[in-house]
Amino acid sequence: MPCHVATKIYGTVSAERQKAMSGLEFVQGLADGTLPLNRMAETLRYDVSEAASGRVVVTAWPDEVHLNPAGTVHGGLAATMLDSCMGLAIHTMLDKGLASTTLEFKISLLRPITPETGLIKAEGIVLSCGRRVGTAEGRITDADGRLLAHGTTTCLIFQH
């Protein structure tokens, strides 16, 4: 099954345009396709599927391009999807003129992911969002709800 929709666009959003939007408006634009997804999303074939205040979902269909030499999906796909959903979840909490960046994140890979796994969903949920620091947790599950990986992040919040 294809992993990204033909109508998605990829690129960057100018700093001026980002400053004019709240974090939630920005991330909702990524999810609904009115703003371009980053080039990493294009490279790894993942999509920002849902965005609400404090919650973001990123999805992918693992296939052969994601495989490591052992024949399972490289942990970098899970790491990138978790970094994205958790960081974007924090971003949804920001007012206009603010931005965030990942300071650190930790993940645990629990089950192998293969092309046969099918659609995987990474859901990021904000735990705390203050003036300077935000924290979130993320979970990757398969279509049956089995937990494949999970993680936490800490992000720095700053003036854009």
N, C-alpha and C. Protein backbone atom coordinates (compact mmCIF):
# COMPACT_ATOMS: atom_id res chain seq x y z
N MET A 1 0.85 -1.18 0.00
CA MET A 1 0.00 0.00 0.00
C MET A 1 0.89 1.24 0.00
N PRO A 2 0.58 2.27 -0.77
CA PRO A 2 1.43 3.46 -0.82
C PRO A 2 1.51 4.14 0.54
N CYS A 3 2.69 4.71 0.80
CA CYS A 3 2.88 5.30 2.13
C CYS A 3 2.72 6.81 2.13
N HIS A 4 2.70 7.45 1.01
CA HIS A 4 2.37 8.87 1.06
C HIS A 4 1.42 9.25 -0.05
N VAL A 5 0.64 10.24 0.26
CA VAL A 5 -0.42 10.68 -0.64
C VAL A 5 0.18 11.58 -1.71
N ALA A 6 -0.28 11.41 -2.93
CA ALA A 6 0.25 12.18 -4.05
C ALA A 6 0.08 13.68 -3.87
N THR A 7 -0.90 14.11 -3.10
CA THR A 7 -1.15 15.53 -2.95
C THR A 7 -0.22 16.19 -1.93
N LYS A 8 0.56 15.42 -1.19
CA LYS A 8 1.48 16.00 -0.21
C LYS A 8 2.58 16.76 -0.92
N ILE A 9 2.99 17.86 -0.30
CA ILE A 9 4.12 18.64 -0.82
C ILE A 9 5.23 18.61 0.24
N TYR A 10 6.45 18.79 -0.23
CA TYR A 10 7.61 18.71 0.65
C TYR A 10 8.48 19.94 0.48
N GLY A 11 9.08 20.36 1.55
CA GLY A 11 9.96 21.52 1.53
C GLY A 11 10.06 22.13 2.91
N THR A 12 10.22 23.44 2.96
CA THR A 12 10.30 24.14 4.23
C THR A 12 9.32 25.31 4.22
N VAL A 13 9.01 25.75 5.42
CA VAL A 13 8.13 26.90 5.59
C VAL A 13 9.00 28.06 6.05
N SER A 14 8.89 29.21 5.41
CA SER A 14 9.74 30.35 5.75
C SER A 14 9.55 30.75 7.21
N ALA A 15 10.60 31.32 7.79
CA ALA A 15 10.54 31.78 9.18
C ALA A 15 9.43 32.81 9.37
N GLU A 16 9.26 33.70 8.40
CA GLU A 16 8.23 34.73 8.50
C GLU A 16 6.84 34.10 8.56
N ARG A 17 6.61 33.12 7.71
CA ARG A 17 5.31 32.46 7.70
C ARG A 17 5.08 31.70 8.99
N GLN A 18 6.12 31.03 9.50
CA GLN A 18 5.99 30.29 10.76
C GLN A 18 5.66 31.23 11.92
N LYS A 19 6.32 32.39 11.96
CA LYS A 19 6.10 33.35 13.05
C LYS A 19 4.66 33.86 13.08
N ALA A 20 4.00 33.86 11.93
CA ALA A 20 2.64 34.39 11.84
C ALA A 20 1.59 33.38 12.28
N MET A 21 2.00 32.17 12.58
CA MET A 21 1.06 31.11 12.96
C MET A 21 1.33 30.62 14.38
N SER A 22 0.28 30.18 15.04
CA SER A 22 0.49 29.47 16.31
C SER A 22 1.09 28.11 15.97
N GLY A 23 1.63 27.45 16.96
CA GLY A 23 2.18 26.12 16.74
C GLY A 23 1.12 25.14 16.26
N LEU A 24 -0.08 25.24 16.81
CA LEU A 24 -1.15 24.35 16.39
C LEU A 24 -1.53 24.60 14.93
N GLU A 25 -1.64 25.86 14.53
CA GLU A 25 -1.95 26.18 13.13
C GLU A 25 -0.88 25.60 12.19
N PHE A 26 0.38 25.72 12.60
CA PHE A 26 1.49 25.21 11.79
C PHE A 26 1.37 23.69 11.62
N VAL A 27 1.22 22.98 12.73
CA VAL A 27 1.20 21.51 12.66
C VAL A 27 -0.06 21.02 11.96
N GLN A 28 -1.19 21.69 12.16
CA GLN A 28 -2.40 21.32 11.42
C GLN A 28 -2.21 21.52 9.93
N GLY A 29 -1.44 22.55 9.53
CA GLY A 29 -1.13 22.76 8.12
C GLY A 29 -0.31 21.62 7.54
N LEU A 30 0.60 21.07 8.35
CA LEU A 30 1.37 19.90 7.91
C LEU A 30 0.45 18.70 7.71
N ALA A 31 -0.47 18.52 8.65
CA ALA A 31 -1.37 17.36 8.61
C ALA A 31 -2.37 17.45 7.47
N ASP A 32 -2.89 18.65 7.20
CA ASP A 32 -3.92 18.76 6.16
C ASP A 32 -3.34 19.05 4.77
N GLY A 33 -2.03 19.20 4.68
CA GLY A 33 -1.39 19.37 3.38
C GLY A 33 -1.33 20.79 2.87
N THR A 34 -1.77 21.77 3.67
CA THR A 34 -1.67 23.16 3.22
C THR A 34 -0.26 23.71 3.42
N LEU A 35 0.55 23.04 4.23
CA LEU A 35 1.96 23.38 4.40
C LEU A 35 2.80 22.18 4.00
N PRO A 36 4.02 22.41 3.50
CA PRO A 36 4.85 21.28 3.09
C PRO A 36 5.41 20.51 4.29
N LEU A 37 5.45 19.18 4.13
CA LEU A 37 6.16 18.34 5.09
C LEU A 37 7.66 18.49 4.84
N ASN A 38 8.47 18.19 5.84
CA ASN A 38 9.91 18.31 5.66
C ASN A 38 10.45 17.23 4.72
N ARG A 39 11.64 17.46 4.23
CA ARG A 39 12.25 16.52 3.27
C ARG A 39 12.55 15.16 3.91
N MET A 40 12.76 15.12 5.23
CA MET A 40 12.98 13.84 5.89
C MET A 40 11.71 12.98 5.78
N ALA A 41 10.54 13.60 5.87
CA ALA A 41 9.29 12.86 5.71
C ALA A 41 9.21 12.26 4.31
N GLU A 42 9.67 13.00 3.33
CA GLU A 42 9.68 12.48 1.97
C GLU A 42 10.67 11.33 1.84
N THR A 43 11.85 11.50 2.38
CA THR A 43 12.90 10.47 2.29
C THR A 43 12.47 9.18 2.97
N LEU A 44 11.93 9.29 4.18
CA LEU A 44 11.56 8.10 4.95
C LEU A 44 10.11 7.67 4.72
N ARG A 45 9.37 8.44 3.93
CA ARG A 45 8.01 8.10 3.54
C ARG A 45 7.05 8.00 4.72
N TYR A 46 7.09 9.01 5.58
CA TYR A 46 6.10 9.09 6.65
C TYR A 46 5.26 10.34 6.48
N ASP A 47 4.13 10.38 7.18
CA ASP A 47 3.17 11.45 7.02
C ASP A 47 2.70 11.94 8.38
N VAL A 48 2.46 13.23 8.49
CA VAL A 48 1.80 13.78 9.67
C VAL A 48 0.31 13.63 9.40
N SER A 49 -0.33 12.73 10.13
CA SER A 49 -1.71 12.35 9.83
C SER A 49 -2.76 13.09 10.65
N GLU A 50 -2.43 13.40 11.91
CA GLU A 50 -3.39 14.06 12.79
C GLU A 50 -2.65 15.08 13.64
N ALA A 51 -3.33 16.19 13.94
CA ALA A 51 -2.76 17.21 14.81
C ALA A 51 -3.87 17.87 15.61
N ALA A 52 -3.72 17.84 16.92
CA ALA A 52 -4.63 18.52 17.84
C ALA A 52 -3.76 19.12 18.94
N SER A 53 -4.32 19.94 19.75
CA SER A 53 -3.55 20.56 20.83
C SER A 53 -2.98 19.48 21.76
N GLY A 54 -1.65 19.39 21.79
CA GLY A 54 -0.97 18.44 22.66
C GLY A 54 -0.88 17.03 22.15
N ARG A 55 -1.30 16.78 20.90
CA ARG A 55 -1.29 15.42 20.35
C ARG A 55 -1.05 15.45 18.85
N VAL A 56 -0.10 14.62 18.38
CA VAL A 56 0.19 14.51 16.95
C VAL A 56 0.39 13.04 16.61
N VAL A 57 -0.11 12.64 15.45
CA VAL A 57 0.06 11.28 14.95
C VAL A 57 0.83 11.32 13.63
N VAL A 58 1.86 10.48 13.55
CA VAL A 58 2.67 10.31 12.35
C VAL A 58 2.53 8.86 11.92
N THR A 59 2.34 8.60 10.62
CA THR A 59 2.14 7.24 10.13
C THR A 59 3.11 6.90 9.01
N ALA A 60 3.34 5.60 8.83
CA ALA A 60 4.18 5.12 7.73
C ALA A 60 3.81 3.68 7.41
N TRP A 61 4.06 3.31 6.17
CA TRP A 61 3.95 1.92 5.71
C TRP A 61 5.36 1.41 5.50
N PRO A 62 5.94 0.69 6.46
CA PRO A 62 7.31 0.19 6.28
C PRO A 62 7.41 -0.72 5.05
N ASP A 63 8.49 -0.53 4.29
CA ASP A 63 8.73 -1.41 3.15
C ASP A 63 10.23 -1.61 2.97
N GLU A 64 10.62 -2.15 1.83
CA GLU A 64 12.01 -2.54 1.60
C GLU A 64 13.01 -1.39 1.73
N VAL A 65 12.60 -0.17 1.45
CA VAL A 65 13.55 0.96 1.54
C VAL A 65 13.95 1.25 2.99
N HIS A 66 13.19 0.73 3.95
CA HIS A 66 13.47 0.98 5.37
C HIS A 66 14.31 -0.12 6.02
N LEU A 67 14.65 -1.17 5.27
CA LEU A 67 15.30 -2.34 5.87
C LEU A 67 16.77 -2.10 6.20
N ASN A 68 17.20 -2.72 7.31
CA ASN A 68 18.61 -2.76 7.66
C ASN A 68 19.21 -4.05 7.06
N PRO A 69 20.53 -4.28 7.18
CA PRO A 69 21.12 -5.49 6.59
C PRO A 69 20.54 -6.80 7.13
N ALA A 70 19.95 -6.79 8.33
CA ALA A 70 19.38 -8.01 8.91
C ALA A 70 17.98 -8.30 8.38
N GLY A 71 17.40 -7.37 7.60
CA GLY A 71 16.10 -7.61 6.99
C GLY A 71 14.91 -7.10 7.79
N THR A 72 15.16 -6.37 8.87
CA THR A 72 14.07 -5.73 9.59
C THR A 72 14.18 -4.22 9.36
N VAL A 73 13.13 -3.50 9.72
CA VAL A 73 13.14 -2.06 9.52
C VAL A 73 14.18 -1.43 10.45
N HIS A 74 14.99 -0.56 9.88
CA HIS A 74 16.03 0.13 10.64
C HIS A 74 15.41 0.94 11.77
N GLY A 75 16.04 0.91 12.94
CA GLY A 75 15.54 1.64 14.09
C GLY A 75 15.46 3.14 13.86
N GLY A 76 16.17 3.64 12.87
CA GLY A 76 16.11 5.06 12.56
C GLY A 76 14.75 5.52 12.11
N LEU A 77 13.96 4.64 11.49
CA LEU A 77 12.59 5.02 11.11
C LEU A 77 11.77 5.26 12.36
N ALA A 78 11.82 4.32 13.31
CA ALA A 78 11.07 4.48 14.57
C ALA A 78 11.56 5.72 15.32
N ALA A 79 12.87 5.92 15.37
CA ALA A 79 13.43 7.07 16.08
C ALA A 79 12.95 8.38 15.46
N THR A 80 12.97 8.46 14.14
CA THR A 80 12.54 9.68 13.46
C THR A 80 11.05 9.92 13.64
N MET A 81 10.26 8.87 13.53
CA MET A 81 8.81 9.04 13.71
C MET A 81 8.49 9.48 15.14
N LEU A 82 9.18 8.91 16.14
CA LEU A 82 8.94 9.32 17.52
C LEU A 82 9.42 10.75 17.76
N ASP A 83 10.60 11.08 17.26
CA ASP A 83 11.11 12.46 17.42
C ASP A 83 10.12 13.44 16.79
N SER A 84 9.58 13.09 15.64
CA SER A 84 8.65 13.98 14.94
C SER A 84 7.33 14.12 15.69
N CYS A 85 6.70 13.01 16.06
CA CYS A 85 5.38 13.11 16.70
C CYS A 85 5.47 13.78 18.07
N MET A 86 6.53 13.50 18.83
CA MET A 86 6.66 14.10 20.15
C MET A 86 7.00 15.58 20.05
N GLY A 87 7.96 15.93 19.19
CA GLY A 87 8.35 17.32 19.02
C GLY A 87 7.21 18.16 18.46
N LEU A 88 6.50 17.62 17.47
CA LEU A 88 5.36 18.35 16.91
C LEU A 88 4.23 18.49 17.91
N ALA A 89 4.04 17.49 18.77
CA ALA A 89 3.00 17.61 19.81
C ALA A 89 3.31 18.80 20.72
N ILE A 90 4.56 18.95 21.10
CA ILE A 90 4.96 20.11 21.90
C ILE A 90 4.73 21.39 21.10
N HIS A 91 5.07 21.36 19.82
CA HIS A 91 4.92 22.54 18.97
C HIS A 91 3.46 23.00 18.91
N THR A 92 2.51 22.07 19.01
CA THR A 92 1.09 22.45 18.95
C THR A 92 0.69 23.33 20.13
N MET A 93 1.49 23.36 21.17
CA MET A 93 1.16 24.10 22.39
C MET A 93 1.71 25.54 22.35
N LEU A 94 2.45 25.89 21.30
CA LEU A 94 3.16 27.17 21.28
C LEU A 94 2.35 28.30 20.68
N ASP A 95 2.52 29.49 21.25
CA ASP A 95 1.91 30.69 20.72
C ASP A 95 2.69 31.18 19.51
N LYS A 96 2.10 32.13 18.77
CA LYS A 96 2.80 32.76 17.65
C LYS A 96 4.13 33.31 18.12
N GLY A 97 5.15 33.20 17.25
CA GLY A 97 6.46 33.75 17.55
C GLY A 97 7.36 32.83 18.36
N LEU A 98 6.85 31.68 18.77
CA LEU A 98 7.66 30.73 19.53
C LEU A 98 7.99 29.52 18.66
N ALA A 99 9.12 28.90 18.96
CA ALA A 99 9.54 27.69 18.26
C ALA A 99 10.10 26.73 19.29
N SER A 100 10.40 25.51 18.85
CA SER A 100 10.99 24.53 19.76
C SER A 100 11.98 23.67 19.00
N THR A 101 12.88 23.06 19.74
CA THR A 101 13.83 22.13 19.16
C THR A 101 14.11 21.03 20.17
N THR A 102 14.40 19.86 19.68
CA THR A 102 14.68 18.72 20.55
C THR A 102 16.01 18.89 21.26
N LEU A 103 15.99 18.79 22.59
CA LEU A 103 17.22 18.78 23.38
C LEU A 103 17.73 17.35 23.54
N GLU A 104 16.82 16.43 23.80
CA GLU A 104 17.20 15.02 23.93
C GLU A 104 15.95 14.18 23.75
N PHE A 105 16.16 12.92 23.33
CA PHE A 105 15.07 11.97 23.34
C PHE A 105 15.63 10.58 23.57
N LYS A 106 14.78 9.73 24.11
CA LYS A 106 15.14 8.35 24.39
C LYS A 106 14.05 7.47 23.82
N ILE A 107 14.45 6.38 23.19
CA ILE A 107 13.45 5.44 22.69
C ILE A 107 13.82 4.02 23.12
N SER A 108 12.80 3.20 23.17
CA SER A 108 12.97 1.77 23.39
C SER A 108 12.25 1.05 22.26
N LEU A 109 12.96 0.15 21.60
CA LEU A 109 12.40 -0.65 20.51
C LEU A 109 11.98 -2.00 21.10
N LEU A 110 10.71 -2.32 21.05
CA LEU A 110 10.20 -3.50 21.73
C LEU A 110 9.98 -4.70 20.83
N ARG A 111 9.52 -4.47 19.61
CA ARG A 111 9.23 -5.56 18.68
C ARG A 111 9.83 -5.21 17.32
N PRO A 112 10.23 -6.21 16.55
CA PRO A 112 10.73 -5.90 15.21
C PRO A 112 9.62 -5.36 14.32
N ILE A 113 9.99 -4.43 13.46
CA ILE A 113 9.08 -3.90 12.45
C ILE A 113 9.58 -4.41 11.12
N THR A 114 8.68 -4.95 10.31
CA THR A 114 9.03 -5.46 8.98
C THR A 114 8.00 -4.92 7.98
N PRO A 115 8.23 -5.11 6.70
CA PRO A 115 7.20 -4.70 5.74
C PRO A 115 5.86 -5.40 5.98
N GLU A 116 5.90 -6.59 6.55
CA GLU A 116 4.66 -7.32 6.84
C GLU A 116 3.89 -6.73 8.02
N THR A 117 4.52 -5.86 8.80
CA THR A 117 3.85 -5.23 9.94
C THR A 117 2.68 -4.39 9.48
N GLY A 118 2.79 -3.81 8.30
CA GLY A 118 1.72 -2.94 7.80
C GLY A 118 1.85 -1.54 8.37
N LEU A 119 0.78 -0.80 8.31
CA LEU A 119 0.77 0.60 8.76
C LEU A 119 1.19 0.69 10.22
N ILE A 120 2.12 1.59 10.49
CA ILE A 120 2.51 1.87 11.88
C ILE A 120 2.15 3.31 12.20
N LYS A 121 1.77 3.51 13.46
CA LYS A 121 1.30 4.83 13.91
C LYS A 121 2.12 5.26 15.11
N ALA A 122 2.72 6.44 15.02
CA ALA A 122 3.46 7.03 16.14
C ALA A 122 2.62 8.18 16.69
N GLU A 123 2.23 8.07 17.95
CA GLU A 123 1.40 9.09 18.58
C GLU A 123 2.20 9.78 19.67
N GLY A 124 2.31 11.10 19.56
CA GLY A 124 3.00 11.91 20.56
C GLY A 124 2.00 12.67 21.40
N ILE A 125 2.21 12.65 22.71
CA ILE A 125 1.33 13.33 23.66
C ILE A 125 2.18 14.20 24.58
N VAL A 126 1.80 15.46 24.73
CA VAL A 126 2.53 16.37 25.62
C VAL A 126 2.29 15.97 27.08
N LEU A 127 3.38 15.91 27.83
CA LEU A 127 3.30 15.67 29.27
C LEU A 127 3.31 16.98 30.04
N SER A 128 4.16 17.92 29.58
CA SER A 128 4.30 19.22 30.24
C SER A 128 4.83 20.21 29.22
N CYS A 129 4.31 21.43 29.26
CA CYS A 129 4.81 22.46 28.37
C CYS A 129 4.85 23.77 29.13
N GLY A 130 6.06 24.21 29.45
CA GLY A 130 6.26 25.46 30.17
C GLY A 130 6.75 26.56 29.24
N ARG A 131 7.31 27.61 29.84
CA ARG A 131 7.80 28.73 29.02
C ARG A 131 9.10 28.40 28.29
N ARG A 132 9.94 27.52 28.86
CA ARG A 132 11.25 27.22 28.27
C ARG A 132 11.45 25.77 27.88
N VAL A 133 10.70 24.87 28.50
CA VAL A 133 10.91 23.43 28.26
C VAL A 133 9.57 22.73 28.11
N GLY A 134 9.52 21.80 27.15
CA GLY A 134 8.37 20.94 26.98
C GLY A 134 8.81 19.49 27.00
N THR A 135 7.97 18.62 27.53
CA THR A 135 8.25 17.19 27.51
C THR A 135 7.05 16.46 26.91
N ALA A 136 7.35 15.34 26.25
CA ALA A 136 6.29 14.55 25.63
C ALA A 136 6.70 13.09 25.63
N GLU A 137 5.70 12.24 25.44
CA GLU A 137 5.96 10.82 25.27
C GLU A 137 5.36 10.38 23.94
N GLY A 138 5.90 9.29 23.41
CA GLY A 138 5.40 8.78 22.15
C GLY A 138 5.33 7.27 22.16
N ARG A 139 4.41 6.75 21.35
CA ARG A 139 4.22 5.31 21.24
C ARG A 139 4.01 4.96 19.78
N ILE A 140 4.71 3.93 19.30
CA ILE A 140 4.46 3.40 17.96
C ILE A 140 3.71 2.09 18.12
N THR A 141 2.58 1.99 17.42
CA THR A 141 1.76 0.79 17.45
C THR A 141 1.47 0.31 16.03
N ASP A 142 1.11 -0.98 15.93
CA ASP A 142 0.68 -1.51 14.65
C ASP A 142 -0.84 -1.43 14.56
N ALA A 143 -1.40 -1.95 13.48
CA ALA A 143 -2.85 -1.85 13.26
C ALA A 143 -3.66 -2.60 14.32
N ASP A 144 -3.04 -3.57 14.99
CA ASP A 144 -3.72 -4.32 16.05
C ASP A 144 -3.53 -3.69 17.42
N GLY A 145 -2.84 -2.54 17.47
CA GLY A 145 -2.62 -1.84 18.73
C GLY A 145 -1.43 -2.35 19.53
N ARG A 146 -0.65 -3.27 18.97
CA ARG A 146 0.54 -3.77 19.67
C ARG A 146 1.60 -2.69 19.75
N LEU A 147 2.18 -2.53 20.92
CA LEU A 147 3.24 -1.54 21.12
C LEU A 147 4.53 -2.04 20.51
N LEU A 148 5.09 -1.27 19.57
CA LEU A 148 6.32 -1.64 18.88
C LEU A 148 7.53 -0.89 19.43
N ALA A 149 7.31 0.35 19.83
CA ALA A 149 8.39 1.20 20.37
C ALA A 149 7.75 2.33 21.15
N HIS A 150 8.52 2.91 22.05
CA HIS A 150 8.02 4.07 22.79
C HIS A 150 9.20 4.96 23.15
N GLY A 151 8.91 6.19 23.55
CA GLY A 151 9.98 7.11 23.88
C GLY A 151 9.50 8.34 24.62
N THR A 152 10.46 9.15 25.02
CA THR A 152 10.19 10.44 25.65
C THR A 152 11.13 11.47 25.04
N THR A 153 10.74 12.73 25.14
CA THR A 153 11.58 13.82 24.64
C THR A 153 11.52 15.01 25.57
N THR A 154 12.56 15.82 25.48
CA THR A 154 12.62 17.13 26.11
C THR A 154 12.96 18.13 25.02
N CYS A 155 12.15 19.18 24.91
CA CYS A 155 12.38 20.21 23.88
C CYS A 155 12.57 21.57 24.52
N LEU A 156 13.46 22.35 23.94
CA LEU A 156 13.68 23.74 24.33
C LEU A 156 12.69 24.61 23.58
N ILE A 157 12.06 25.53 24.28
CA ILE A 157 11.12 26.48 23.68
C ILE A 157 11.79 27.85 23.66
N PHE A 158 11.72 28.55 22.52
CA PHE A 158 12.43 29.82 22.38
C PHE A 158 11.68 30.75 21.42
N GLN A 159 12.06 32.05 21.46
CA GLN A 159 11.51 33.03 20.52
C GLN A 159 11.99 32.69 19.13
N HIS A 160 11.10 32.70 18.17
CA HIS A 160 11.44 32.39 16.78
C HIS A 160 12.17 33.55 16.15
